[in-house]
Protein backbone atom coordinates (compact mmCIF):
# COMPACT_ATOMS: atom_id res chain seq x y z
CA MET A 1 -0.15 0.07 0.11
CA ASN A 2 1.42 3.44 -1.04
CA ILE A 3 0.60 6.16 1.42
CA GLY A 4 -1.11 8.94 -0.37
CA ASN A 5 -2.82 6.75 -2.95
CA PHE A 6 -6.66 5.69 -3.09
CA TYR A 7 -7.68 2.07 -2.34
CA PHE A 8 -10.91 -0.15 -1.74
CA ILE A 9 -11.17 -2.06 1.27
CA SER A 10 -12.05 -5.72 1.47
CA ASP A 11 -15.55 -7.20 2.70
CA ASN A 12 -13.36 -8.87 5.01
CA TYR A 13 -12.56 -5.83 7.04
CA PHE A 14 -16.18 -5.17 7.61
CA THR A 15 -16.66 -8.64 8.63
CA ASP A 16 -13.65 -8.66 11.09
CA PHE A 17 -14.79 -5.39 12.38
CA PRO A 18 -18.45 -4.88 12.47
CA ASP A 19 -19.33 -1.38 13.17
CA ASP A 20 -22.39 0.38 11.82
CA LYS A 21 -20.48 3.69 11.65
CA LEU A 22 -17.88 2.27 9.16
CA MET A 23 -18.57 3.12 5.44
CA THR A 24 -19.16 -0.57 4.21
CA ASN A 25 -18.85 -1.61 0.50
CA LYS A 26 -21.66 -0.78 -1.83
CA GLU A 27 -23.52 -3.73 -3.01
CA VAL A 28 -23.11 -5.70 -6.29
CA ILE A 29 -24.99 -3.91 -8.98
CA ASN A 30 -25.57 -6.01 -12.19
CA GLY A 31 -23.28 -8.57 -11.19
CA LYS A 32 -20.53 -6.18 -10.81
CA ALA A 33 -18.85 -4.93 -7.37
CA HIS A 34 -19.57 -1.39 -7.23
CA GLY A 35 -16.31 -0.41 -6.09
CA ARG A 36 -17.19 2.38 -3.43
CA PRO A 37 -16.25 3.90 -1.28
CA CYS A 38 -12.60 4.28 -2.25
CA TYR A 39 -10.19 5.38 0.57
CA TYR A 40 -7.12 7.92 0.77
CA THR A 41 -4.54 6.51 2.76
CA ILE A 42 -2.18 8.09 5.26
CA LYS A 43 0.61 6.81 7.59
CA ASP A 44 0.08 6.46 11.33
CA ASN A 45 3.56 7.10 12.70
CA LYS A 46 2.55 5.75 16.23
CA THR A 47 1.27 2.28 15.09
CA PRO A 48 2.13 -0.29 12.49
CA PHE A 49 -0.96 0.39 10.20
CA SER A 50 -2.32 2.99 7.95
CA TRP A 51 -5.49 5.16 8.23
CA VAL A 52 -7.83 5.40 5.40
CA ILE A 53 -10.14 8.10 4.61
CA PRO A 54 -13.25 7.53 2.68
CA ILE A 55 -14.25 9.89 -0.23
CA SER A 56 -17.75 11.03 -1.34
CA SER A 57 -19.42 12.22 -4.45
CA GLN A 58 -22.14 13.57 -2.38
CA VAL A 59 -20.51 16.97 -2.16
CA ALA A 60 -23.67 19.14 -1.57
CA LYS A 61 -24.81 16.84 1.41
CA TYR A 62 -21.35 17.17 3.32
CA GLN A 63 -21.24 20.75 2.35
CA ARG A 64 -24.51 21.41 4.61
CA ILE A 65 -23.00 19.46 7.34
CA TYR A 66 -19.64 21.17 7.12
CA ASP A 67 -21.22 24.66 6.81
CA ASP A 68 -23.61 23.88 9.92
CA LYS A 69 -20.13 22.86 11.79
CA VAL A 70 -18.46 25.86 10.71
CA LYS A 71 -21.35 28.23 11.78
CA LYS A 72 -21.65 26.22 15.26
CA ASN A 73 -18.00 25.85 16.02
CA GLY A 74 -16.23 28.21 13.60
CA SER A 75 -14.12 25.97 11.80
CA CYS A 76 -14.59 21.88 10.65
CA ASP A 77 -11.71 19.65 10.46
CA THR A 78 -13.59 16.42 9.83
CA ILE A 79 -14.65 17.09 6.57
CA HIS A 80 -12.34 18.64 3.66
CA PHE A 81 -13.15 19.00 -0.07
CA GLY A 82 -10.87 18.69 -2.92
CA HIS A 83 -10.80 17.62 -6.61
CA VAL A 84 -10.08 13.87 -7.18
CA LEU A 85 -10.05 12.97 -11.04
CA GLY A 86 -11.02 16.65 -11.83
CA GLU A 87 -14.28 16.19 -9.80
CA MET A 88 -15.07 17.68 -6.39
CA ARG A 89 -14.99 15.17 -3.68
CA ALA A 90 -15.66 15.30 0.24
CA PHE A 91 -13.05 13.73 2.18
CA LEU A 92 -14.66 12.50 5.31
CA ILE A 93 -11.97 12.44 8.10
CA GLN A 94 -14.90 11.60 10.43
CA ASN A 95 -15.12 8.27 9.05
CA MET A 96 -11.63 7.64 8.81
CA CYS A 97 -10.22 4.06 10.30
CA PRO A 98 -7.15 2.19 10.83
CA VAL A 99 -6.33 -0.57 8.24
CA THR A 100 -3.38 -2.93 7.56
CA ASN A 101 -2.45 -4.50 3.88
CA GLU A 102 -4.27 -7.71 4.37
CA TYR A 103 -7.70 -5.69 4.33
CA ILE A 104 -6.98 -3.94 0.90
CA SER A 105 -8.62 -5.25 -2.03
CA ASN A 106 -7.34 -3.26 -4.86
CA GLN A 107 -5.81 0.10 -5.73
CA TYR A 108 -7.89 2.96 -7.46
CA ILE A 109 -6.85 3.12 -10.86
CA ASN A 110 -7.29 6.01 -13.38
CA SER A 111 -9.12 3.97 -16.29
CA SER A 112 -8.28 6.93 -18.90
CA THR A 113 -4.16 6.36 -18.10
CA GLY A 114 -4.02 3.09 -16.35
CA THR A 115 -2.16 4.86 -13.35
CA PRO A 116 -2.87 5.07 -9.85
CA VAL A 117 -5.25 8.03 -8.91
CA VAL A 118 -3.44 10.54 -7.08
CA ILE A 119 -4.30 14.16 -5.69
CA SER A 120 -2.46 17.58 -5.71
CA LYS A 121 0.40 17.70 -3.02
CA LYS A 122 -1.60 20.69 -1.70
CA LEU A 123 -4.88 18.93 -1.04
CA ALA A 124 -2.60 16.10 0.06
CA ASP A 125 -1.03 18.16 2.71
CA GLU A 126 -4.40 19.80 3.87
CA VAL A 127 -6.22 16.40 4.24
CA GLU A 128 -3.25 15.02 6.25
CA HIS A 129 -3.07 17.98 8.43
CA LYS A 130 -6.38 17.81 9.38
CA ALA A 131 -6.57 14.14 9.66
CA ARG A 132 -3.31 14.03 12.00
CA LYS A 133 -5.30 16.69 14.03
CA ILE A 134 -8.19 14.47 14.40
CA LEU A 135 -6.41 11.44 15.30
CA ARG A 136 -4.52 13.47 18.28
CA LEU A 137 -7.98 14.94 19.54
CA HIS A 138 -9.48 11.10 19.13
CA ARG A 139 -6.20 9.82 21.55
CA ARG A 140 -6.95 12.46 23.88
CA GLY A 141 -10.28 11.18 24.26
CA ILE A 142 -12.18 13.67 22.17
CA LYS A 143 -14.61 11.62 19.96
CA LEU A 144 -14.61 13.17 16.39
CA ILE A 145 -14.37 10.02 14.54
CA PHE A 146 -17.62 8.08 13.94
CA PRO A 147 -16.57 4.42 14.14
CA ASP A 148 -15.23 2.79 17.11
CA VAL A 149 -11.83 3.16 15.98
CA SER A 150 -10.18 2.61 19.49
CA ALA A 151 -11.64 -1.01 19.42
CA ILE A 152 -10.42 -1.62 15.70
CA GLU A 153 -6.96 -0.48 16.65
CA THR A 154 -6.87 -2.85 19.55
CA ALA A 155 -8.04 -5.59 17.48
CA LEU A 156 -5.59 -4.91 14.69
CA LEU A 157 -2.68 -4.88 16.90
CA ALA A 158 -3.62 -8.30 18.40
CA LYS A 159 -3.88 -9.77 14.99
CA ILE A 160 -0.31 -8.48 14.36
CA GLN A 161 1.16 -9.74 17.49
CA GLN A 162 -0.65 -13.31 16.89
CA SER A 163 1.20 -13.27 13.29
């Protein structure tokens, strides 16, 4: 797994870590896996795994949530917006979760070029900065991430130690 790229998570992850706040894989449509959501990856320097941040095309929906949070709190670090393959997307930092390589099903590839999908360095820096801030707050007991990522971290560490 290359940090800063986009990946899809295998169904096994959602079986091994059942949590109704995780953004699970979309169902099969017309006999084909739908391949959503895809996740942007960042490295966690405190643990042996990466964190993945789902992106969404439902920009208007998340813009309303973002605007409400800014109005209420003055800022919002749990959602960020940026272009992926020329289209505006919402990076849902509030739904990020830890993952290891075994749970990655495949990389998000640009069908036009056959290369991995990437984002601008500026956008990558902004998303990573916000995600690290939210992760630091999480580790201090401030719940800003919807899934129970502490339980997932504990289970992932236990799996690694058993290996």
